[in-house]
């Protein structure tokens, strides 16, 4: 099942209710989330090899939040030693940040089977909606943020810190 399939199975009112339960601090922006949800219904998915993975975590405040990432079969053991996170190696898949992916790619992502087994479909939608709008409610805004991060990285990478 793709993310688009999941969206098509659920209406905004049910998602909205769970969204406000899970992320009550976002109540002031709920209309923006509704607009994004309605847009996702209209967009055409783009095929991708990335799978959508969601795990629920409990924050320091006791609230549940979703750890959303993409999986594409890349294993930690296959990563360059300098690219590995400390303590992570072996057969586990590398979780990729996907908040800057175009929404059409999100829609084309298959939901990881483990995610579907462990979470309710509406919870998956809620966590993904929050993650995909983390940097803004319009794709252009998100891509501008991504470009700023890449530009800053290039600036740091090309800097001479020896002086």
N, C-alpha and C. Protein backbone atom coordinates (compact mmCIF):
# COMPACT_ATOMS: atom_id res chain seq x y z
N UNK A 1 0.84 -1.17 0.00
CA UNK A 1 0.00 0.00 0.00
C UNK A 1 0.90 1.24 0.00
N UNK A 2 0.58 2.18 -0.88
CA UNK A 2 1.35 3.42 -0.94
C UNK A 2 0.75 4.45 0.01
N UNK A 3 1.50 5.51 0.23
CA UNK A 3 1.01 6.61 1.06
C UNK A 3 -0.25 7.22 0.42
N UNK A 4 -0.28 7.32 -0.90
CA UNK A 4 -1.46 7.82 -1.60
C UNK A 4 -2.66 6.92 -1.35
N UNK A 5 -2.46 5.59 -1.40
CA UNK A 5 -3.55 4.65 -1.10
C UNK A 5 -4.09 4.89 0.30
N UNK A 6 -3.19 5.10 1.23
CA UNK A 6 -3.58 5.33 2.62
C UNK A 6 -4.40 6.61 2.75
N UNK A 7 -3.98 7.67 2.09
CA UNK A 7 -4.73 8.92 2.11
C UNK A 7 -6.13 8.72 1.54
N UNK A 8 -6.21 7.99 0.45
CA UNK A 8 -7.50 7.77 -0.19
C UNK A 8 -8.45 6.92 0.64
N UNK A 9 -7.93 6.21 1.63
CA UNK A 9 -8.77 5.37 2.50
C UNK A 9 -9.38 6.12 3.68
N UNK A 10 -8.92 7.36 3.91
CA UNK A 10 -9.35 8.08 5.11
C UNK A 10 -9.72 9.52 4.78
N UNK A 11 -10.76 10.02 5.43
CA UNK A 11 -11.20 11.40 5.22
C UNK A 11 -10.53 12.32 6.23
N UNK A 12 -10.46 13.59 5.87
CA UNK A 12 -9.80 14.56 6.74
C UNK A 12 -10.42 14.65 8.13
N UNK A 13 -11.75 14.64 8.31
CA UNK A 13 -12.27 14.79 9.67
C UNK A 13 -11.72 13.77 10.67
N UNK A 14 -11.60 12.51 10.27
CA UNK A 14 -11.04 11.50 11.17
C UNK A 14 -9.56 11.71 11.43
N UNK A 15 -8.85 12.10 10.40
CA UNK A 15 -7.41 12.37 10.54
C UNK A 15 -7.22 13.61 11.42
N UNK A 16 -8.02 14.63 11.20
CA UNK A 16 -7.93 15.88 11.98
C UNK A 16 -8.09 15.61 13.47
N UNK A 17 -9.08 14.82 13.82
CA UNK A 17 -9.32 14.51 15.23
C UNK A 17 -8.09 13.87 15.87
N UNK A 18 -7.52 12.86 15.20
CA UNK A 18 -6.34 12.18 15.74
C UNK A 18 -5.12 13.09 15.72
N UNK A 19 -5.03 13.94 14.68
CA UNK A 19 -3.91 14.87 14.59
C UNK A 19 -3.89 15.80 15.80
N UNK A 20 -5.05 16.35 16.14
CA UNK A 20 -5.13 17.28 17.28
C UNK A 20 -4.89 16.57 18.60
N UNK A 21 -5.25 15.30 18.69
CA UNK A 21 -4.95 14.51 19.88
C UNK A 21 -3.44 14.31 20.03
N UNK A 22 -2.80 14.01 18.92
CA UNK A 22 -1.38 13.67 18.92
C UNK A 22 -0.49 14.90 19.00
N UNK A 23 -0.85 15.94 18.27
CA UNK A 23 -0.04 17.16 18.19
C UNK A 23 -0.90 18.37 18.57
N UNK A 24 -1.33 18.47 19.83
CA UNK A 24 -2.25 19.55 20.24
C UNK A 24 -1.66 20.95 20.06
N UNK A 25 -0.34 21.07 20.08
CA UNK A 25 0.28 22.38 19.90
C UNK A 25 0.12 22.91 18.47
N UNK A 26 -0.34 22.08 17.56
CA UNK A 26 -0.51 22.48 16.16
C UNK A 26 -1.93 22.97 15.85
N UNK A 27 -2.77 23.13 16.88
CA UNK A 27 -4.17 23.50 16.67
C UNK A 27 -4.32 24.81 15.89
N UNK A 28 -3.43 25.77 16.12
CA UNK A 28 -3.53 27.05 15.40
C UNK A 28 -3.29 26.90 13.90
N UNK A 29 -2.64 25.84 13.50
CA UNK A 29 -2.30 25.62 12.09
C UNK A 29 -3.17 24.56 11.43
N UNK A 30 -4.23 24.12 12.10
CA UNK A 30 -4.98 22.97 11.60
C UNK A 30 -5.58 23.21 10.21
N UNK A 31 -5.94 24.45 9.90
CA UNK A 31 -6.48 24.73 8.56
C UNK A 31 -5.41 24.53 7.48
N UNK A 32 -4.16 24.86 7.81
CA UNK A 32 -3.06 24.65 6.86
C UNK A 32 -2.83 23.16 6.63
N UNK A 33 -2.94 22.37 7.69
CA UNK A 33 -2.81 20.92 7.54
C UNK A 33 -3.95 20.37 6.68
N UNK A 34 -5.15 20.90 6.87
CA UNK A 34 -6.30 20.48 6.06
C UNK A 34 -6.05 20.79 4.59
N UNK A 35 -5.51 21.96 4.31
CA UNK A 35 -5.21 22.33 2.92
C UNK A 35 -4.19 21.38 2.30
N UNK A 36 -3.16 21.02 3.07
CA UNK A 36 -2.15 20.09 2.56
C UNK A 36 -2.80 18.73 2.30
N UNK A 37 -3.62 18.27 3.22
CA UNK A 37 -4.28 16.96 3.05
C UNK A 37 -5.12 16.94 1.78
N UNK A 38 -5.88 18.00 1.57
CA UNK A 38 -6.72 18.09 0.36
C UNK A 38 -5.86 18.14 -0.91
N UNK A 39 -4.73 18.82 -0.84
CA UNK A 39 -3.83 18.87 -1.99
C UNK A 39 -3.25 17.49 -2.28
N UNK A 40 -2.90 16.75 -1.24
CA UNK A 40 -2.33 15.41 -1.42
C UNK A 40 -3.31 14.48 -2.14
N UNK A 41 -4.60 14.69 -1.92
CA UNK A 41 -5.61 13.89 -2.61
C UNK A 41 -5.55 14.15 -4.11
N UNK A 42 -5.21 15.38 -4.49
CA UNK A 42 -5.22 15.77 -5.90
C UNK A 42 -3.91 15.47 -6.63
N UNK A 43 -2.81 15.40 -5.92
CA UNK A 43 -1.50 15.21 -6.55
C UNK A 43 -1.34 13.79 -7.09
N UNK A 44 -0.51 13.66 -8.11
CA UNK A 44 -0.22 12.37 -8.72
C UNK A 44 1.08 11.81 -8.13
N UNK A 45 1.05 10.58 -7.62
CA UNK A 45 2.26 9.99 -7.04
C UNK A 45 3.36 9.78 -8.07
N UNK A 46 4.59 9.86 -7.61
CA UNK A 46 5.76 9.56 -8.42
C UNK A 46 6.36 8.27 -7.86
N UNK A 47 6.67 7.34 -8.74
CA UNK A 47 7.24 6.07 -8.31
C UNK A 47 8.62 6.29 -7.70
N UNK A 48 8.88 5.59 -6.61
CA UNK A 48 10.16 5.70 -5.91
C UNK A 48 10.49 4.36 -5.26
N UNK A 49 11.78 4.13 -5.04
CA UNK A 49 12.20 2.90 -4.35
C UNK A 49 12.18 3.07 -2.83
N UNK A 50 11.96 4.28 -2.37
CA UNK A 50 11.94 4.56 -0.94
C UNK A 50 10.64 4.04 -0.32
N UNK A 51 10.75 3.37 0.83
CA UNK A 51 9.60 2.93 1.61
C UNK A 51 9.44 3.86 2.81
N UNK A 52 8.21 4.08 3.19
CA UNK A 52 7.89 4.97 4.29
C UNK A 52 7.84 4.17 5.59
N UNK A 53 8.64 4.61 6.57
CA UNK A 53 8.70 3.93 7.87
C UNK A 53 8.33 4.91 8.97
N UNK A 54 7.47 4.47 9.87
CA UNK A 54 7.06 5.30 11.01
C UNK A 54 7.15 4.46 12.27
N UNK A 55 7.82 4.98 13.27
CA UNK A 55 7.81 4.37 14.60
C UNK A 55 7.39 5.44 15.59
N UNK A 56 6.65 5.03 16.59
CA UNK A 56 6.22 5.99 17.61
C UNK A 56 7.23 6.00 18.75
N UNK A 57 7.50 7.19 19.22
CA UNK A 57 8.42 7.41 20.34
C UNK A 57 7.67 8.20 21.41
N UNK A 58 8.19 8.15 22.61
CA UNK A 58 7.61 8.95 23.70
C UNK A 58 8.62 10.01 24.07
N UNK A 59 8.19 11.26 23.99
CA UNK A 59 9.07 12.39 24.30
C UNK A 59 9.27 12.57 25.79
N UNK A 60 10.16 13.48 26.13
CA UNK A 60 10.44 13.78 27.54
C UNK A 60 9.19 14.27 28.28
N UNK A 61 8.27 14.86 27.51
CA UNK A 61 7.03 15.37 28.11
C UNK A 61 5.95 14.30 28.22
N UNK A 62 6.28 13.06 27.81
CA UNK A 62 5.33 11.96 27.90
C UNK A 62 4.41 11.84 26.70
N UNK A 63 4.54 12.75 25.75
CA UNK A 63 3.68 12.71 24.56
C UNK A 63 4.29 11.81 23.49
N UNK A 64 3.40 11.20 22.71
CA UNK A 64 3.83 10.35 21.59
C UNK A 64 4.12 11.24 20.39
N UNK A 65 5.18 10.89 19.68
CA UNK A 65 5.51 11.56 18.41
C UNK A 65 5.99 10.49 17.43
N UNK A 66 5.96 10.84 16.17
CA UNK A 66 6.33 9.87 15.14
C UNK A 66 7.71 10.12 14.59
N UNK A 67 8.50 9.07 14.54
CA UNK A 67 9.81 9.12 13.90
C UNK A 67 9.60 8.59 12.49
N UNK A 68 9.58 9.50 11.52
CA UNK A 68 9.26 9.18 10.14
C UNK A 68 10.54 9.20 9.32
N UNK A 69 10.77 8.16 8.54
CA UNK A 69 11.96 8.12 7.69
C UNK A 69 11.68 7.27 6.46
N UNK A 70 12.62 7.33 5.54
CA UNK A 70 12.54 6.51 4.34
C UNK A 70 13.55 5.38 4.40
N UNK A 71 13.17 4.24 3.89
CA UNK A 71 14.06 3.08 3.82
C UNK A 71 14.16 2.65 2.36
N UNK A 72 15.38 2.35 1.92
CA UNK A 72 15.54 1.93 0.52
C UNK A 72 16.39 0.67 0.37
N UNK A 73 16.59 -0.05 1.47
CA UNK A 73 17.37 -1.28 1.40
C UNK A 73 18.85 -1.10 1.71
N UNK A 74 19.32 0.14 1.81
CA UNK A 74 20.72 0.38 2.15
C UNK A 74 20.96 -0.06 3.59
N UNK A 75 22.00 -0.84 3.79
CA UNK A 75 22.35 -1.37 5.12
C UNK A 75 23.49 -0.56 5.72
N UNK A 76 23.47 -0.45 7.05
CA UNK A 76 24.55 0.27 7.74
C UNK A 76 25.91 -0.35 7.42
N UNK A 77 25.95 -1.66 7.34
CA UNK A 77 27.23 -2.34 7.09
C UNK A 77 27.83 -1.96 5.75
N UNK A 78 27.00 -1.50 4.81
CA UNK A 78 27.48 -1.13 3.48
C UNK A 78 27.91 0.33 3.39
N UNK A 79 27.73 1.08 4.47
CA UNK A 79 28.10 2.49 4.47
C UNK A 79 29.58 2.66 4.78
N UNK A 80 30.15 3.68 4.20
CA UNK A 80 31.52 4.05 4.49
C UNK A 80 31.63 4.27 6.01
N UNK A 81 32.73 3.85 6.58
CA UNK A 81 32.90 3.94 8.03
C UNK A 81 32.70 5.37 8.55
N UNK A 82 33.09 6.37 7.76
CA UNK A 82 32.93 7.75 8.18
C UNK A 82 31.49 8.23 8.07
N UNK A 83 30.64 7.48 7.37
CA UNK A 83 29.24 7.85 7.21
C UNK A 83 28.35 7.22 8.26
N UNK A 84 28.84 6.23 8.96
CA UNK A 84 28.03 5.51 9.95
C UNK A 84 27.85 6.33 11.21
N UNK A 85 26.67 6.19 11.77
CA UNK A 85 26.42 6.79 13.07
C UNK A 85 27.02 5.86 14.12
N UNK A 86 27.59 6.41 15.19
CA UNK A 86 28.19 5.57 16.23
C UNK A 86 27.19 4.54 16.76
N UNK A 87 27.64 3.31 16.86
CA UNK A 87 26.81 2.25 17.41
C UNK A 87 25.86 1.60 16.41
N UNK A 88 25.81 2.11 15.20
CA UNK A 88 24.91 1.53 14.20
C UNK A 88 25.71 0.86 13.10
N UNK A 89 25.49 -0.39 12.94
CA UNK A 89 26.16 -1.14 11.88
C UNK A 89 25.33 -2.38 11.62
N UNK A 90 25.85 -3.25 10.82
CA UNK A 90 25.19 -4.52 10.60
C UNK A 90 24.08 -4.47 9.57
N UNK A 91 23.10 -5.32 9.76
CA UNK A 91 22.05 -5.55 8.77
C UNK A 91 20.92 -4.52 8.81
N UNK A 92 20.86 -3.70 9.84
CA UNK A 92 19.78 -2.72 9.92
C UNK A 92 19.82 -1.76 8.74
N UNK A 93 18.64 -1.38 8.28
CA UNK A 93 18.56 -0.42 7.17
C UNK A 93 18.83 0.99 7.66
N UNK A 94 19.45 1.77 6.79
CA UNK A 94 19.72 3.17 7.07
C UNK A 94 18.41 3.94 6.92
N UNK A 95 17.97 4.67 7.96
CA UNK A 95 16.77 5.49 7.82
C UNK A 95 17.15 6.86 7.24
N UNK A 96 16.55 7.23 6.12
CA UNK A 96 16.86 8.49 5.46
C UNK A 96 15.84 9.56 5.83
N UNK A 97 16.33 10.78 6.01
CA UNK A 97 15.43 11.92 6.23
C UNK A 97 14.68 12.18 4.93
N UNK A 98 13.37 12.34 5.03
CA UNK A 98 12.57 12.54 3.81
C UNK A 98 11.73 13.81 3.86
N UNK A 99 11.92 14.64 4.88
CA UNK A 99 11.07 15.83 4.99
C UNK A 99 11.22 16.81 3.84
N UNK A 100 12.33 16.72 3.10
CA UNK A 100 12.52 17.61 1.96
C UNK A 100 12.12 16.97 0.63
N UNK A 101 11.66 15.74 0.65
CA UNK A 101 11.22 15.08 -0.59
C UNK A 101 9.95 15.75 -1.11
N UNK A 102 9.84 15.86 -2.43
CA UNK A 102 8.59 16.39 -3.00
C UNK A 102 7.41 15.51 -2.56
N UNK A 103 6.28 16.15 -2.36
CA UNK A 103 5.11 15.42 -1.86
C UNK A 103 4.66 14.34 -2.83
N UNK A 104 4.90 14.52 -4.12
CA UNK A 104 4.54 13.48 -5.08
C UNK A 104 5.35 12.21 -4.84
N UNK A 105 6.60 12.37 -4.37
CA UNK A 105 7.40 11.19 -4.00
C UNK A 105 6.86 10.53 -2.75
N UNK A 106 6.49 11.34 -1.75
CA UNK A 106 5.86 10.77 -0.55
C UNK A 106 4.68 9.89 -0.96
N UNK A 107 3.85 10.43 -1.85
CA UNK A 107 2.64 9.71 -2.25
C UNK A 107 2.95 8.38 -2.92
N UNK A 108 4.08 8.29 -3.62
CA UNK A 108 4.46 7.06 -4.30
C UNK A 108 5.18 6.05 -3.42
N UNK A 109 5.53 6.44 -2.20
CA UNK A 109 6.24 5.52 -1.31
C UNK A 109 5.32 4.43 -0.78
N UNK A 110 5.81 3.19 -0.84
CA UNK A 110 5.11 2.08 -0.20
C UNK A 110 5.28 2.24 1.31
N UNK A 111 4.24 1.91 2.05
CA UNK A 111 4.34 1.92 3.51
C UNK A 111 5.07 0.64 3.92
N UNK A 112 6.12 0.77 4.71
CA UNK A 112 6.87 -0.39 5.16
C UNK A 112 5.94 -1.36 5.89
N UNK A 113 6.01 -2.65 5.58
CA UNK A 113 5.11 -3.63 6.21
C UNK A 113 5.15 -3.60 7.74
N UNK A 114 6.33 -3.39 8.30
CA UNK A 114 6.44 -3.34 9.77
C UNK A 114 5.65 -2.16 10.34
N UNK A 115 5.66 -1.04 9.63
CA UNK A 115 4.87 0.12 10.05
C UNK A 115 3.39 -0.20 10.03
N UNK A 116 2.94 -0.86 8.97
CA UNK A 116 1.52 -1.22 8.88
C UNK A 116 1.10 -2.21 9.96
N UNK A 117 2.02 -3.06 10.38
CA UNK A 117 1.71 -4.03 11.44
C UNK A 117 1.65 -3.37 12.81
N UNK A 118 2.50 -2.37 13.03
CA UNK A 118 2.64 -1.81 14.36
C UNK A 118 1.75 -0.60 14.65
N UNK A 119 1.32 0.11 13.60
CA UNK A 119 0.57 1.35 13.81
C UNK A 119 -0.78 1.34 13.11
N UNK A 120 -1.71 2.04 13.68
CA UNK A 120 -2.99 2.29 13.06
C UNK A 120 -2.78 3.17 11.83
N UNK A 121 -3.56 2.95 10.79
CA UNK A 121 -3.39 3.72 9.55
C UNK A 121 -3.50 5.23 9.78
N UNK A 122 -4.44 5.65 10.60
CA UNK A 122 -4.62 7.08 10.84
C UNK A 122 -3.40 7.66 11.56
N UNK A 123 -2.81 6.90 12.47
CA UNK A 123 -1.60 7.37 13.15
C UNK A 123 -0.46 7.54 12.15
N UNK A 124 -0.36 6.64 11.19
CA UNK A 124 0.67 6.78 10.15
C UNK A 124 0.44 8.08 9.39
N UNK A 125 -0.79 8.33 9.00
CA UNK A 125 -1.12 9.57 8.28
C UNK A 125 -0.77 10.81 9.09
N UNK A 126 -1.14 10.80 10.35
CA UNK A 126 -0.90 11.95 11.23
C UNK A 126 0.60 12.25 11.33
N UNK A 127 1.40 11.23 11.62
CA UNK A 127 2.83 11.45 11.78
C UNK A 127 3.48 11.89 10.47
N UNK A 128 3.05 11.31 9.36
CA UNK A 128 3.61 11.70 8.06
C UNK A 128 3.22 13.13 7.70
N UNK A 129 1.99 13.50 7.96
CA UNK A 129 1.54 14.86 7.66
C UNK A 129 2.35 15.88 8.46
N UNK A 130 2.60 15.57 9.72
CA UNK A 130 3.39 16.48 10.55
C UNK A 130 4.82 16.57 10.00
N UNK A 131 5.40 15.42 9.66
CA UNK A 131 6.79 15.39 9.18
C UNK A 131 6.95 16.11 7.84
N UNK A 132 6.03 15.86 6.92
CA UNK A 132 6.18 16.43 5.58
C UNK A 132 5.94 17.94 5.55
N UNK A 133 5.36 18.49 6.62
CA UNK A 133 5.14 19.94 6.69
C UNK A 133 6.04 20.59 7.74
N UNK A 134 7.03 19.86 8.20
CA UNK A 134 7.91 20.36 9.27
C UNK A 134 8.58 21.68 8.88
N UNK A 135 8.90 21.84 7.61
CA UNK A 135 9.59 23.05 7.14
C UNK A 135 8.66 24.01 6.39
N UNK A 136 7.37 23.72 6.39
CA UNK A 136 6.42 24.62 5.74
C UNK A 136 5.23 23.90 5.17
N UNK A 137 4.22 24.68 4.82
CA UNK A 137 2.98 24.12 4.31
C UNK A 137 2.85 24.23 2.80
N UNK A 138 3.91 24.70 2.14
CA UNK A 138 3.94 24.76 0.68
C UNK A 138 5.25 24.16 0.21
N UNK A 139 5.19 23.41 -0.87
CA UNK A 139 6.38 22.73 -1.37
C UNK A 139 7.50 23.72 -1.72
N UNK A 140 7.14 24.88 -2.24
CA UNK A 140 8.15 25.87 -2.61
C UNK A 140 8.92 26.34 -1.37
N UNK A 141 8.22 26.54 -0.27
CA UNK A 141 8.86 26.95 0.99
C UNK A 141 9.82 25.88 1.48
N UNK A 142 9.40 24.63 1.39
CA UNK A 142 10.22 23.51 1.84
C UNK A 142 11.48 23.40 0.98
N UNK A 143 11.34 23.55 -0.32
CA UNK A 143 12.50 23.47 -1.21
C UNK A 143 13.45 24.64 -1.00
N UNK A 144 12.93 25.82 -0.67
CA UNK A 144 13.80 26.97 -0.35
C UNK A 144 14.61 26.68 0.91
N UNK A 145 13.98 26.10 1.90
CA UNK A 145 14.67 25.74 3.14
C UNK A 145 15.77 24.71 2.85
N UNK A 146 15.45 23.74 2.03
CA UNK A 146 16.42 22.71 1.64
C UNK A 146 17.61 23.34 0.93
N UNK A 147 17.34 24.25 0.02
CA UNK A 147 18.42 24.93 -0.71
C UNK A 147 19.30 25.73 0.24
N UNK A 148 18.70 26.39 1.23
CA UNK A 148 19.49 27.14 2.20
C UNK A 148 20.42 26.21 2.99
N UNK A 149 19.92 25.05 3.35
CA UNK A 149 20.74 24.09 4.09
C UNK A 149 21.89 23.59 3.21
N UNK A 150 21.58 23.27 1.95
CA UNK A 150 22.64 22.81 1.04
C UNK A 150 23.67 23.90 0.79
N UNK A 151 23.22 25.15 0.63
CA UNK A 151 24.14 26.27 0.44
C UNK A 151 25.04 26.46 1.66
N UNK A 152 24.45 26.35 2.85
CA UNK A 152 25.24 26.49 4.08
C UNK A 152 26.27 25.36 4.18
N UNK A 153 25.86 24.13 3.82
CA UNK A 153 26.78 23.00 3.84
C UNK A 153 27.94 23.23 2.86
N UNK A 154 27.63 23.69 1.66
CA UNK A 154 28.68 23.96 0.68
C UNK A 154 29.64 25.03 1.19
N UNK A 155 29.09 26.04 1.85
CA UNK A 155 29.91 27.12 2.40
C UNK A 155 30.87 26.58 3.46
N UNK A 156 30.36 25.74 4.34
CA UNK A 156 31.19 25.16 5.40
C UNK A 156 32.23 24.22 4.78
N UNK A 157 31.78 23.40 3.84
CA UNK A 157 32.65 22.41 3.21
C UNK A 157 33.82 23.10 2.48
N UNK A 158 33.56 24.26 1.92
CA UNK A 158 34.58 24.97 1.13
C UNK A 158 35.36 25.99 1.95
N UNK A 159 35.08 26.06 3.25
CA UNK A 159 35.79 27.01 4.11
C UNK A 159 37.15 26.49 4.52
N UNK A 160 38.05 27.40 4.74
CA UNK A 160 39.37 27.05 5.24
C UNK A 160 39.42 27.46 6.71
N UNK A 161 39.35 26.48 7.59
CA UNK A 161 39.33 26.76 9.03
C UNK A 161 40.74 26.72 9.65
N UNK A 162 41.76 26.67 8.82
CA UNK A 162 43.13 26.55 9.34
C UNK A 162 43.69 27.88 9.79
N UNK A 163 43.05 28.98 9.47
CA UNK A 163 43.60 30.28 9.85
C UNK A 163 43.01 30.80 11.13
